[in-house]
C-alpha cells in the first residue's frame, strides 16, 4: 500500500449558514460531526468535519460555512460537480421519503453504470447522490435515532469532475495516481483505483461547451486523495513537480499532512495522509463535541467563541 493513492481521503465544500449546514448533515443525512474547528486562514469561520464514527478516510465531508459573506456558486467545468455516497440495497425508498419530508430538492431514482442512484441538493445547492453499489459496501456506518444502519450512508462512492476536455485530468488520475478507466457511457468516464475497495471511483464528465463554474456557496472547494503517511506524501510531491506543475510544501493540518496542487483541468487537488487522525485531540467517544482550535489561535479562544455562530 506504500507509494499508492488510496482513493478519496476527504472532500471540502463551501456552505452559507453554519447551523443549517450542521443540522442537515447530522440530522437529515445522519452523519457524525467528528471535528468542530476553524478555518486555518479565517478563524472566525468554522471548519466542520462530518463522517463515520472515527472519521475514517473515505467518509469525511468538510465545510467552510461562510454565512452571509459567501455568494451562490454555480456548477460548471473545472469543478467537482457532485459527491456520491454509498448506501445499502433497498434503502433508496427510505431516502426518497426522508428527503421529501424535509423539503429537499431531489430527482427520481435513476440508473448509472448499472447502479441505482438518487440525486438531491443540500440546502446550499451542493449536488449529492446516494448510490447502491453493485458490490455490497461492508463499511460500518454511523447511525442515529432517525437513520439506522440498514439505511445509513457508508462513505463516499464517487466524485464527478466536469471538464471541457478529458485528457489532462485523466492523465493525472492514471499516470500519477494509479487509476484506470473502468467504463464509459456517452460523455461520462468512470475511473477506479484497485488500491482500495471503497471511495475508489472518480467520474469525469467531458462537456466541451460548458462554461467554467463558480466555486462559492454550494460547491466543492477541493477533493483530497489519501496516502498512508508523510513519506508517501512526499513521493507524490516529487511526481507532481516532475510534471512541471506547482505544488505546495507539506502543510500540517493537525489531523493529517497535506499537499495542494491544481490539476491541469482546473480542479484543486489535495493529497492527505492517514496520520495522525482525529483522535489526536479528542477521544473517539467525544469527537466533535468541543471546539478545537489550531495552536496559533488558542490564545484568542474567548473572542473566537463569541464570534462563531451558535449551533444549538
C-alpha atoms as a PDB file:
ATOM      1  CA  UNK A   1       0.000   0.000   0.000  1.00  0.00           C
ATOM      2  CA  UNK A   2       3.013   2.268   0.134  1.00  0.00           C
ATOM      3  CA  UNK A   3       3.546   4.752  -2.694  1.00  0.00           C
ATOM      4  CA  UNK A   4      -0.095   4.420  -3.697  1.00  0.00           C
ATOM      5  CA  UNK A   5      -3.078   6.714  -3.745  1.00  0.00           C
ATOM      6  CA  UNK A   6      -5.694   5.001  -1.589  1.00  0.00           C
ATOM      7  CA  UNK A   7      -8.801   6.568  -3.073  1.00  0.00           C
ATOM      8  CA  UNK A   8     -10.546   9.648  -1.684  1.00  0.00           C
ATOM      9  CA  UNK A   9      -9.468  10.962   1.716  1.00  0.00           C
ATOM     10  CA  UNK A  10     -11.942  13.829   2.160  1.00  0.00           C
ATOM     11  CA  UNK A  11     -13.931  16.414   0.234  1.00  0.00           C
ATOM     12  CA  UNK A  12     -14.213  20.053   1.283  1.00  0.00           C
ATOM     13  CA  UNK A  13     -17.140  22.235   0.230  1.00  0.00           C
ATOM     14  CA  UNK A  14     -18.480  25.735   0.910  1.00  0.00           C
ATOM     15  CA  UNK A  15     -21.714  26.484   2.735  1.00  0.00           C
ATOM     16  CA  UNK A  16     -23.611  29.521   3.946  1.00  0.00           C
ATOM     17  CA  UNK A  17     -25.438  29.327   7.268  1.00  0.00           C
ATOM     18  CA  UNK A  18     -23.473  27.219   9.771  1.00  0.00           C
ATOM     19  CA  UNK A  19     -26.393  25.926  11.836  1.00  0.00           C
ATOM     20  CA  UNK A  20     -28.373  24.971   8.734  1.00  0.00           C
ATOM     21  CA  UNK A  21     -25.369  23.070   7.406  1.00  0.00           C
ATOM     22  CA  UNK A  22     -24.781  21.341  10.746  1.00  0.00           C
ATOM     23  CA  UNK A  23     -28.438  20.368  11.121  1.00  0.00           C
ATOM     24  CA  UNK A  24     -28.747  18.996   7.607  1.00  0.00           C
ATOM     25  CA  UNK A  25     -25.690  16.752   7.704  1.00  0.00           C
ATOM     26  CA  UNK A  26     -26.093  15.481  11.251  1.00  0.00           C
ATOM     27  CA  UNK A  27     -29.883  15.164  11.387  1.00  0.00           C
ATOM     28  CA  UNK A  28     -31.181  14.678   7.826  1.00  0.00           C
ATOM     29  CA  UNK A  29     -28.245  12.715   6.411  1.00  0.00           C
ATOM     30  CA  UNK A  30     -27.297  11.194   9.751  1.00  0.00           C
ATOM     31  CA  UNK A  31     -23.544  11.805   9.613  1.00  0.00           C
ATOM     32  CA  UNK A  32     -21.430  12.256  12.711  1.00  0.00           C
ATOM     33  CA  UNK A  33     -19.817  15.591  13.468  1.00  0.00           C
ATOM     34  CA  UNK A  34     -16.280  14.341  14.022  1.00  0.00           C
ATOM     35  CA  UNK A  35     -14.468  17.661  14.362  1.00  0.00           C
ATOM     36  CA  UNK A  36     -15.590  21.197  15.051  1.00  0.00           C
ATOM     37  CA  UNK A  37     -12.703  23.549  14.389  1.00  0.00           C
ATOM     38  CA  UNK A  38     -11.999  26.736  12.425  1.00  0.00           C
ATOM     39  CA  UNK A  39     -10.582  27.685   9.058  1.00  0.00           C
ATOM     40  CA  UNK A  40      -6.777  27.937   9.312  1.00  0.00           C
ATOM     41  CA  UNK A  41      -6.809  31.208   7.359  1.00  0.00           C
ATOM     42  CA  UNK A  42     -10.065  32.635   8.740  1.00  0.00           C
ATOM     43  CA  UNK A  43     -10.509  31.651  12.410  1.00  0.00           C
ATOM     44  CA  UNK A  44     -13.859  33.411  12.665  1.00  0.00           C
ATOM     45  CA  UNK A  45     -15.290  30.771  10.299  1.00  0.00           C
ATOM     46  CA  UNK A  46     -15.983  27.202  11.360  1.00  0.00           C
ATOM     47  CA  UNK A  47     -14.451  24.197   9.659  1.00  0.00           C
ATOM     48  CA  UNK A  48     -16.860  21.279  10.115  1.00  0.00           C
ATOM     49  CA  UNK A  49     -15.869  17.654   9.543  1.00  0.00           C
ATOM     50  CA  UNK A  50     -18.612  15.045   9.089  1.00  0.00           C
ATOM     51  CA  UNK A  51     -18.013  11.317   8.697  1.00  0.00           C
ATOM     52  CA  UNK A  52     -18.355   7.919  10.277  1.00  0.00           C
ATOM     53  CA  UNK A  53     -17.684   7.098  13.931  1.00  0.00           C
ATOM     54  CA  UNK A  54     -13.965   7.923  13.869  1.00  0.00           C
ATOM     55  CA  UNK A  55     -13.589   9.967  10.678  1.00  0.00           C
ATOM     56  CA  UNK A  56     -12.229   7.166   8.517  1.00  0.00           C
ATOM     57  CA  UNK A  57     -10.671   8.476   5.294  1.00  0.00           C
ATOM     58  CA  UNK A  58     -13.180   7.988   2.507  1.00  0.00           C
ATOM     59  CA  UNK A  59     -16.093   9.120   4.692  1.00  0.00           C
ATOM     60  CA  UNK A  60     -15.037  12.694   5.553  1.00  0.00           C
ATOM     61  CA  UNK A  61     -17.018  15.615   4.149  1.00  0.00           C
ATOM     62  CA  UNK A  62     -15.889  19.016   5.417  1.00  0.00           C
ATOM     63  CA  UNK A  63     -17.356  22.501   5.112  1.00  0.00           C
ATOM     64  CA  UNK A  64     -16.412  26.125   5.423  1.00  0.00           C
ATOM     65  CA  UNK A  65     -19.773  27.751   6.361  1.00  0.00           C
ATOM     66  CA  UNK A  66     -19.076  31.361   5.461  1.00  0.00           C
ATOM     67  CA  UNK A  67     -22.566  32.649   6.253  1.00  0.00           C
ATOM     68  CA  UNK A  68     -23.841  35.752   4.508  1.00  0.00           C
ATOM     69  CA  UNK A  69     -20.358  36.551   3.213  1.00  0.00           C
ATOM     70  CA  UNK A  70     -20.475  33.869   0.533  1.00  0.00           C
ATOM     71  CA  UNK A  71     -22.163  34.285  -2.852  1.00  0.00           C
ATOM     72  CA  UNK A  72     -24.017  31.433  -4.535  1.00  0.00           C
ATOM     73  CA  UNK A  73     -21.808  29.112  -6.550  1.00  0.00           C
ATOM     74  CA  UNK A  74     -22.555  27.698  -9.982  1.00  0.00           C
ATOM     75  CA  UNK A  75     -21.818  24.215 -11.311  1.00  0.00           C
ATOM     76  CA  UNK A  76     -19.659  24.090 -14.415  1.00  0.00           C
ATOM     77  CA  UNK A  77     -16.277  22.995 -15.670  1.00  0.00           C
ATOM     78  CA  UNK A  78     -13.067  22.993 -13.628  1.00  0.00           C
ATOM     79  CA  UNK A  79     -15.063  21.670 -10.677  1.00  0.00           C
ATOM     80  CA  UNK A  80     -16.042  18.634  -8.692  1.00  0.00           C
ATOM     81  CA  UNK A  81     -19.744  18.853  -9.532  1.00  0.00           C
ATOM     82  CA  UNK A  82     -21.234  16.006  -7.494  1.00  0.00           C
ATOM     83  CA  UNK A  83     -20.464  13.863  -4.466  1.00  0.00           C
ATOM     84  CA  UNK A  84     -21.691  10.284  -4.365  1.00  0.00           C
ATOM     85  CA  UNK A  85     -22.353   8.358  -1.155  1.00  0.00           C
ATOM     86  CA  UNK A  86     -22.767   4.594  -0.947  1.00  0.00           C
ATOM     87  CA  UNK A  87     -25.983   3.293   0.630  1.00  0.00           C
ATOM     88  CA  UNK A  88     -27.366  -0.231   1.167  1.00  0.00           C
ATOM     89  CA  UNK A  89     -29.545  -2.176  -1.219  1.00  0.00           C
ATOM     90  CA  UNK A  90     -33.214  -1.362  -0.651  1.00  0.00           C
ATOM     91  CA  UNK A  91     -32.603   1.968   1.102  1.00  0.00           C
ATOM     92  CA  UNK A  92     -33.447   4.442  -1.672  1.00  0.00           C
ATOM     93  CA  UNK A  93     -37.173   4.398  -0.924  1.00  0.00           C
ATOM     94  CA  UNK A  94     -36.398   5.387   2.678  1.00  0.00           C
ATOM     95  CA  UNK A  95     -34.156   8.189   1.468  1.00  0.00           C
ATOM     96  CA  UNK A  96     -36.624   9.482  -1.099  1.00  0.00           C
ATOM     97  CA  UNK A  97     -39.343   9.726   1.561  1.00  0.00           C
ATOM     98  CA  UNK A  98     -36.913  11.326   4.019  1.00  0.00           C
ATOM     99  CA  UNK A  99     -35.840  13.968   1.518  1.00  0.00           C
ATOM    100  CA  UNK A 100     -39.461  14.720   0.675  1.00  0.00           C
ATOM    101  CA  UNK A 101     -40.368  15.028   4.377  1.00  0.00           C
ATOM    102  CA  UNK A 102     -37.574  17.564   4.822  1.00  0.00           C
ATOM    103  CA  UNK A 103     -38.432  19.558   1.665  1.00  0.00           C
ATOM    104  CA  UNK A 104     -35.143  18.656  -0.015  1.00  0.00           C
ATOM    105  CA  UNK A 105     -34.963  19.085  -3.798  1.00  0.00           C
ATOM    106  CA  UNK A 106     -34.375  15.688  -5.422  1.00  0.00           C
ATOM    107  CA  UNK A 107     -34.827  13.728  -8.620  1.00  0.00           C
ATOM    108  CA  UNK A 108     -36.399  10.329  -9.122  1.00  0.00           C
ATOM    109  CA  UNK A 109     -34.270   7.212  -8.721  1.00  0.00           C
ATOM    110  CA  UNK A 110     -32.261   6.549 -11.888  1.00  0.00           C
ATOM    111  CA  UNK A 111     -29.555   4.193 -13.162  1.00  0.00           C
ATOM    112  CA  UNK A 112     -25.912   4.863 -13.999  1.00  0.00           C
ATOM    113  CA  UNK A 113     -23.306   2.233 -14.869  1.00  0.00           C
ATOM    114  CA  UNK A 114     -25.800  -0.418 -13.759  1.00  0.00           C
ATOM    115  CA  UNK A 115     -26.242   1.091 -10.292  1.00  0.00           C
ATOM    116  CA  UNK A 116     -29.338   2.807  -8.913  1.00  0.00           C
ATOM    117  CA  UNK A 117     -28.883   6.302  -7.520  1.00  0.00           C
ATOM    118  CA  UNK A 118     -30.855   9.204  -6.095  1.00  0.00           C
ATOM    119  CA  UNK A 119     -29.734  12.790  -6.755  1.00  0.00           C
ATOM    120  CA  UNK A 120     -30.553  15.696  -4.430  1.00  0.00           C
ATOM    121  CA  UNK A 121     -29.318  19.137  -3.390  1.00  0.00           C
ATOM    122  CA  UNK A 122     -28.301  20.171   0.093  1.00  0.00           C
ATOM    123  CA  UNK A 123     -29.707  23.479   1.462  1.00  0.00           C
ATOM    124  CA  UNK A 124     -26.882  25.436  -0.214  1.00  0.00           C
ATOM    125  CA  UNK A 125     -27.339  23.731  -3.594  1.00  0.00           C
ATOM    126  CA  UNK A 126     -24.476  21.227  -3.341  1.00  0.00           C
ATOM    127  CA  UNK A 127     -25.249  18.249  -5.586  1.00  0.00           C
ATOM    128  CA  UNK A 128     -25.189  14.888  -3.818  1.00  0.00           C
ATOM    129  CA  UNK A 129     -26.036  11.350  -4.864  1.00  0.00           C
ATOM    130  CA  UNK A 130     -26.920   8.216  -2.943  1.00  0.00           C
ATOM    131  CA  UNK A 131     -25.769   5.165  -4.910  1.00  0.00           C
ATOM    132  CA  UNK A 132     -26.440   1.476  -4.321  1.00  0.00           C
ATOM    133  CA  UNK A 133     -23.152  -0.137  -5.419  1.00  0.00           C
ATOM    134  CA  UNK A 134     -23.089  -3.365  -7.394  1.00  0.00           C
ATOM    135  CA  UNK A 135     -20.931  -4.923  -4.683  1.00  0.00           C
ATOM    136  CA  UNK A 136     -22.199  -4.551  -1.119  1.00  0.00           C
ATOM    137  CA  UNK A 137     -20.403  -1.843   0.849  1.00  0.00           C
ATOM    138  CA  UNK A 138     -19.354  -3.515   4.111  1.00  0.00           C
ATOM    139  CA  UNK A 139     -18.114  -0.392   5.905  1.00  0.00           C
ATOM    140  CA  UNK A 140     -19.688   0.109   9.335  1.00  0.00           C
ATOM    141  CA  UNK A 141     -21.967   3.167   9.253  1.00  0.00           C
ATOM    142  CA  UNK A 142     -22.663   5.783  11.880  1.00  0.00           C
ATOM    143  CA  UNK A 143     -26.309   5.536  12.860  1.00  0.00           C
ATOM    144  CA  UNK A 144     -28.662   7.917  14.612  1.00  0.00           C
ATOM    145  CA  UNK A 145     -32.129   7.670  16.145  1.00  0.00           C
ATOM    146  CA  UNK A 146     -33.619   8.602  12.768  1.00  0.00           C
ATOM    147  CA  UNK A 147     -31.162   6.941  10.350  1.00  0.00           C
ATOM    148  CA  UNK A 148     -30.426   3.349  11.296  1.00  0.00           C
ATOM    149  CA  UNK A 149     -27.708   1.098   9.889  1.00  0.00           C
ATOM    150  CA  UNK A 150     -29.956  -0.554   7.301  1.00  0.00           C
ATOM    151  CA  UNK A 151     -30.314   2.804   5.533  1.00  0.00           C
ATOM    152  CA  UNK A 152     -27.254   4.819   6.613  1.00  0.00           C
ATOM    153  CA  UNK A 153     -24.547   6.062   4.273  1.00  0.00           C
ATOM    154  CA  UNK A 154     -21.323   4.036   4.249  1.00  0.00           C
ATOM    155  CA  UNK A 155     -18.974   6.752   2.998  1.00  0.00           C
ATOM    156  CA  UNK A 156     -18.070   8.021  -0.444  1.00  0.00           C
ATOM    157  CA  UNK A 157     -18.940   6.050  -3.547  1.00  0.00           C
ATOM    158  CA  UNK A 158     -17.559   8.502  -6.128  1.00  0.00           C
ATOM    159  CA  UNK A 159     -16.968  12.074  -7.119  1.00  0.00           C
ATOM    160  CA  UNK A 160     -17.687  13.600 -10.521  1.00  0.00           C
ATOM    161  CA  UNK A 161     -15.422  16.162 -12.161  1.00  0.00           C
ATOM    162  CA  UNK A 162     -16.747  18.244 -15.048  1.00  0.00           C
ATOM    163  CA  UNK A 163     -14.202  19.428 -17.601  1.00  0.00           C
ATOM    164  CA  UNK A 164     -14.119  20.795 -21.154  1.00  0.00           C
ATOM    165  CA  UNK A 165     -11.519  18.217 -22.167  1.00  0.00           C
ATOM    166  CA  UNK A 166     -10.890  14.855 -20.581  1.00  0.00           C
ATOM    167  CA  UNK A 167      -7.258  14.111 -21.400  1.00  0.00           C
ATOM    168  CA  UNK A 168      -5.187  16.189 -18.981  1.00  0.00           C
ATOM    169  CA  UNK A 169      -7.227  15.331 -15.893  1.00  0.00           C
ATOM    170  CA  UNK A 170      -7.389  11.667 -16.876  1.00  0.00           C
ATOM    171  CA  UNK A 171      -3.615  11.624 -17.248  1.00  0.00           C
ATOM    172  CA  UNK A 172      -3.153  12.732 -13.636  1.00  0.00           C
ATOM    173  CA  UNK A 173      -5.541  10.033 -12.464  1.00  0.00           C
ATOM    174  CA  UNK A 174      -3.987   7.236 -14.489  1.00  0.00           C
ATOM    175  CA  UNK A 175      -0.283   8.068 -14.814  1.00  0.00           C
ATOM    176  CA  UNK A 176       0.254   9.675 -11.398  1.00  0.00           C
ATOM    177  CA  UNK A 177      -2.485   8.383  -9.091  1.00  0.00           C
ATOM    178  CA  UNK A 178      -2.720   4.842 -10.465  1.00  0.00           C
ATOM    179  CA  UNK A 179      -6.379   4.850 -11.531  1.00  0.00           C
ATOM    180  CA  UNK A 180      -7.641   3.026 -14.637  1.00  0.00           C
ATOM    181  CA  UNK A 181     -10.575   3.623 -16.942  1.00  0.00           C
ATOM    182  CA  UNK A 182     -13.314   1.210 -15.910  1.00  0.00           C
ATOM    183  CA  UNK A 183     -16.245   2.190 -18.109  1.00  0.00           C
ATOM    184  CA  UNK A 184     -17.664   4.902 -20.349  1.00  0.00           C
ATOM    185  CA  UNK A 185     -21.212   5.924 -21.131  1.00  0.00           C
ATOM    186  CA  UNK A 186     -21.733   8.851 -23.522  1.00  0.00           C
ATOM    187  CA  UNK A 187     -19.537  11.643 -22.108  1.00  0.00           C
ATOM    188  CA  UNK A 188     -19.082  10.185 -18.601  1.00  0.00           C
ATOM    189  CA  UNK A 189     -15.857   8.263 -17.973  1.00  0.00           C
ATOM    190  CA  UNK A 190     -15.506   6.179 -14.806  1.00  0.00           C
ATOM    191  CA  UNK A 191     -12.022   5.733 -13.355  1.00  0.00           C
ATOM    192  CA  UNK A 192     -11.217   3.432 -10.432  1.00  0.00           C
ATOM    193  CA  UNK A 193      -8.237   2.513  -8.302  1.00  0.00           C
ATOM    194  CA  UNK A 194      -7.641  -1.086  -7.270  1.00  0.00           C
ATOM    195  CA  UNK A 195      -5.587   0.035  -4.245  1.00  0.00           C
ATOM    196  CA  UNK A 196      -8.696   0.199  -2.025  1.00  0.00           C
ATOM    197  CA  UNK A 197     -12.164  -1.284  -2.042  1.00  0.00           C
ATOM    198  CA  UNK A 198     -14.182   1.825  -1.191  1.00  0.00           C
ATOM    199  CA  UNK A 199     -14.143   5.558  -2.049  1.00  0.00           C
ATOM    200  CA  UNK A 200     -12.229   4.440  -5.118  1.00  0.00           C
ATOM    201  CA  UNK A 201     -14.155   5.979  -8.039  1.00  0.00           C
ATOM    202  CA  UNK A 202     -13.680   9.234  -9.940  1.00  0.00           C
ATOM    203  CA  UNK A 203     -16.036  10.070 -12.809  1.00  0.00           C
ATOM    204  CA  UNK A 204     -15.003  12.633 -15.388  1.00  0.00           C
ATOM    205  CA  UNK A 205     -17.778  14.284 -17.372  1.00  0.00           C
ATOM    206  CA  UNK A 206     -16.423  15.819 -20.580  1.00  0.00           C
ATOM    207  CA  UNK A 207     -18.579  18.809 -21.531  1.00  0.00           C
ATOM    208  CA  UNK A 208     -16.891  20.660 -24.367  1.00  0.00           C
ATOM    209  CA  UNK A 209     -19.289  23.623 -24.499  1.00  0.00           C
ATOM    210  CA  UNK A 210     -19.865  24.043 -20.768  1.00  0.00           C
ATOM    211  CA  UNK A 211     -18.819  27.291 -19.088  1.00  0.00           C
ATOM    212  CA  UNK A 212     -16.462  27.455 -16.132  1.00  0.00           C
ATOM    213  CA  UNK A 213     -18.232  27.027 -12.816  1.00  0.00           C
ATOM    214  CA  UNK A 214     -18.062  29.383  -9.854  1.00  0.00           C
ATOM    215  CA  UNK A 215     -16.610  27.890  -6.683  1.00  0.00           C
ATOM    216  CA  UNK A 216     -18.648  29.548  -3.915  1.00  0.00           C
ATOM    217  CA  UNK A 217     -21.642  28.588  -1.762  1.00  0.00           C
ATOM    218  CA  UNK A 218     -22.981  25.129  -2.539  1.00  0.00           C
ATOM    219  CA  UNK A 219     -19.891  23.963  -4.418  1.00  0.00           C
ATOM    220  CA  UNK A 220     -16.830  21.817  -3.784  1.00  0.00           C
ATOM    221  CA  UNK A 221     -13.680  23.709  -2.856  1.00  0.00           C
ATOM    222  CA  UNK A 222     -11.293  20.770  -3.293  1.00  0.00           C
ATOM    223  CA  UNK A 223     -11.001  16.996  -3.167  1.00  0.00           C
ATOM    224  CA  UNK A 224      -8.281  15.245  -1.178  1.00  0.00           C
ATOM    225  CA  UNK A 225      -6.765  11.916  -2.139  1.00  0.00           C
ATOM    226  CA  UNK A 226      -5.457   9.557   0.530  1.00  0.00           C
ATOM    227  CA  UNK A 227      -1.943   8.278   1.180  1.00  0.00           C
ATOM    228  CA  UNK A 228      -0.600   6.175   4.023  1.00  0.00           C
ATOM    229  CA  UNK A 229       1.965   8.527   5.529  1.00  0.00           C
ATOM    230  CA  UNK A 230       4.265  11.504   5.065  1.00  0.00           C
ATOM    231  CA  UNK A 231       6.907   9.532   3.177  1.00  0.00           C
ATOM    232  CA  UNK A 232       4.314   8.582   0.566  1.00  0.00           C
ATOM    233  CA  UNK A 233       3.062  12.158   0.510  1.00  0.00           C
ATOM    234  CA  UNK A 234       6.493  13.452  -0.444  1.00  0.00           C
ATOM    235  CA  UNK A 235       6.881  10.703  -3.049  1.00  0.00           C
ATOM    236  CA  UNK A 236       3.843  12.134  -4.826  1.00  0.00           C
ATOM    237  CA  UNK A 237       5.106  15.672  -4.423  1.00  0.00           C
ATOM    238  CA  UNK A 238       8.131  14.659  -6.470  1.00  0.00           C
ATOM    239  CA  UNK A 239       5.932  13.122  -9.153  1.00  0.00           C
ATOM    240  CA  UNK A 240       3.814  16.282  -9.449  1.00  0.00           C
ATOM    241  CA  UNK A 241       6.882  18.530  -9.607  1.00  0.00           C
ATOM    242  CA  UNK A 242       8.344  16.330 -12.343  1.00  0.00           C
ATOM    243  CA  UNK A 243       5.311  17.169 -14.491  1.00  0.00           C
ATOM    244  CA  UNK A 244       6.070  20.877 -14.178  1.00  0.00           C
ATOM    245  CA  UNK A 245       3.023  21.593 -12.010  1.00  0.00           C
ATOM    246  CA  UNK A 246       3.068  23.869  -8.972  1.00  0.00           C
ATOM    247  CA  UNK A 247       2.502  22.108  -5.655  1.00  0.00           C
ATOM    248  CA  UNK A 248       2.688  23.379  -2.089  1.00  0.00           C
ATOM    249  CA  UNK A 249       5.150  22.406   0.576  1.00  0.00           C
ATOM    250  CA  UNK A 250       3.914  19.898   3.161  1.00  0.00           C
ATOM    251  CA  UNK A 251       1.291  21.537   5.407  1.00  0.00           C
ATOM    252  CA  UNK A 252       0.315  20.315   8.870  1.00  0.00           C
ATOM    253  CA  UNK A 253      -3.489  20.327   9.134  1.00  0.00           C
ATOM    254  CA  UNK A 254      -3.434  18.893  12.696  1.00  0.00           C
ATOM    255  CA  UNK A 255      -5.331  15.725  11.729  1.00  0.00           C
ATOM    256  CA  UNK A 256      -3.355  14.971   8.547  1.00  0.00           C
ATOM    257  CA  UNK A 257      -0.491  16.360   6.475  1.00  0.00           C
ATOM    258  CA  UNK A 258      -1.314  17.831   3.089  1.00  0.00           C
ATOM    259  CA  UNK A 259      -0.079  18.971  -0.290  1.00  0.00           C
ATOM    260  CA  UNK A 260      -2.196  21.046  -2.699  1.00  0.00           C
ATOM    261  CA  UNK A 261      -1.970  21.459  -6.454  1.00  0.00           C
ATOM    262  CA  UNK A 262      -4.312  22.423  -9.262  1.00  0.00           C
ATOM    263  CA  UNK A 263      -4.607  19.649 -11.819  1.00  0.00           C
ATOM    264  CA  UNK A 264      -4.413  20.750 -15.479  1.00  0.00           C
ATOM    265  CA  UNK A 265      -8.206  20.723 -15.843  1.00  0.00           C
ATOM    266  CA  UNK A 266      -8.504  23.363 -13.122  1.00  0.00           C
ATOM    267  CA  UNK A 267      -9.717  21.387 -10.085  1.00  0.00           C
ATOM    268  CA  UNK A 268      -7.890  21.896  -6.793  1.00  0.00           C
ATOM    269  CA  UNK A 269      -6.500  18.540  -5.644  1.00  0.00           C
ATOM    270  CA  UNK A 270      -5.113  17.779  -2.209  1.00  0.00           C
ATOM    271  CA  UNK A 271      -3.095  14.741  -1.157  1.00  0.00           C
ATOM    272  CA  UNK A 272      -3.587  13.957   2.537  1.00  0.00           C
ATOM    273  CA  UNK A 273      -2.115  11.405   4.937  1.00  0.00           C
ATOM    274  CA  UNK A 274      -3.962   8.959   7.148  1.00  0.00           C
ATOM    275  CA  UNK A 275      -1.909  10.028  10.150  1.00  0.00           C
ATOM    276  CA  UNK A 276      -2.295  11.255  12.841  1.00  0.00           C
ATOM    277  CA  UNK A 277      -6.122  11.092  12.664  1.00  0.00           C
ATOM    278  CA  UNK A 278      -8.963  12.783  14.501  1.00  0.00           C
ATOM    279  CA  UNK A 279      -8.422  11.272  17.949  1.00  0.00           C
ATOM    280  CA  UNK A 280      -5.185  13.224  18.430  1.00  0.00           C
ATOM    281  CA  UNK A 281      -7.018  15.880  20.480  1.00  0.00           C
ATOM    282  CA  UNK A 282     -10.310  14.165  21.449  1.00  0.00           C
ATOM    283  CA  UNK A 283     -11.128  10.577  22.432  1.00  0.00           C
ATOM    284  CA  UNK A 284     -13.259   8.726  19.886  1.00  0.00           C
ATOM    285  CA  UNK A 285     -16.359   8.849  22.104  1.00  0.00           C
ATOM    286  CA  UNK A 286     -16.181  12.660  22.290  1.00  0.00           C
ATOM    287  CA  UNK A 287     -15.330  13.512  18.677  1.00  0.00           C
ATOM    288  CA  UNK A 288     -16.964  16.739  17.544  1.00  0.00           C
ATOM    289  CA  UNK A 289     -18.217  17.696  20.986  1.00  0.00           C
ATOM    290  CA  UNK A 290     -15.823  20.581  21.670  1.00  0.00           C
ATOM    291  CA  UNK A 291     -14.389  23.441  19.641  1.00  0.00           C
ATOM    292  CA  UNK A 292     -10.815  22.527  18.698  1.00  0.00           C
ATOM    293  CA  UNK A 293      -8.563  25.391  17.647  1.00  0.00           C
ATOM    294  CA  UNK A 294      -5.241  25.337  15.817  1.00  0.00           C
ATOM    295  CA  UNK A 295      -2.489  26.141  18.312  1.00  0.00           C
ATOM    296  CA  UNK A 296      -1.907  29.635  16.901  1.00  0.00           C
ATOM    297  CA  UNK A 297      -5.497  30.633  17.753  1.00  0.00           C
ATOM    298  CA  UNK A 298      -5.796  29.108  21.223  1.00  0.00           C
ATOM    299  CA  UNK A 299      -4.879  32.419  22.855  1.00  0.00           C
ATOM    300  CA  UNK A 300      -7.871  34.033  21.111  1.00  0.00           C
ATOM    301  CA  UNK A 301     -10.360  31.319  22.087  1.00  0.00           C
ATOM    302  CA  UNK A 302     -12.676  33.575  24.082  1.00  0.00           C
ATOM    303  CA  UNK A 303     -13.013  36.093  21.241  1.00  0.00           C
ATOM    304  CA  UNK A 304     -13.433  33.368  18.584  1.00  0.00           C
ATOM    305  CA  UNK A 305     -16.127  31.589  20.584  1.00  0.00           C
ATOM    306  CA  UNK A 306     -18.062  34.859  20.884  1.00  0.00           C
ATOM    307  CA  UNK A 307     -17.942  35.423  17.112  1.00  0.00           C
ATOM    308  CA  UNK A 308     -18.762  31.914  15.871  1.00  0.00           C
ATOM    309  CA  UNK A 309     -22.476  31.174  15.248  1.00  0.00           C
ATOM    310  CA  UNK A 310     -24.360  29.113  17.813  1.00  0.00           C
ATOM    311  CA  UNK A 311     -25.291  25.611  16.651  1.00  0.00           C
ATOM    312  CA  UNK A 312     -27.915  24.768  19.263  1.00  0.00           C
END
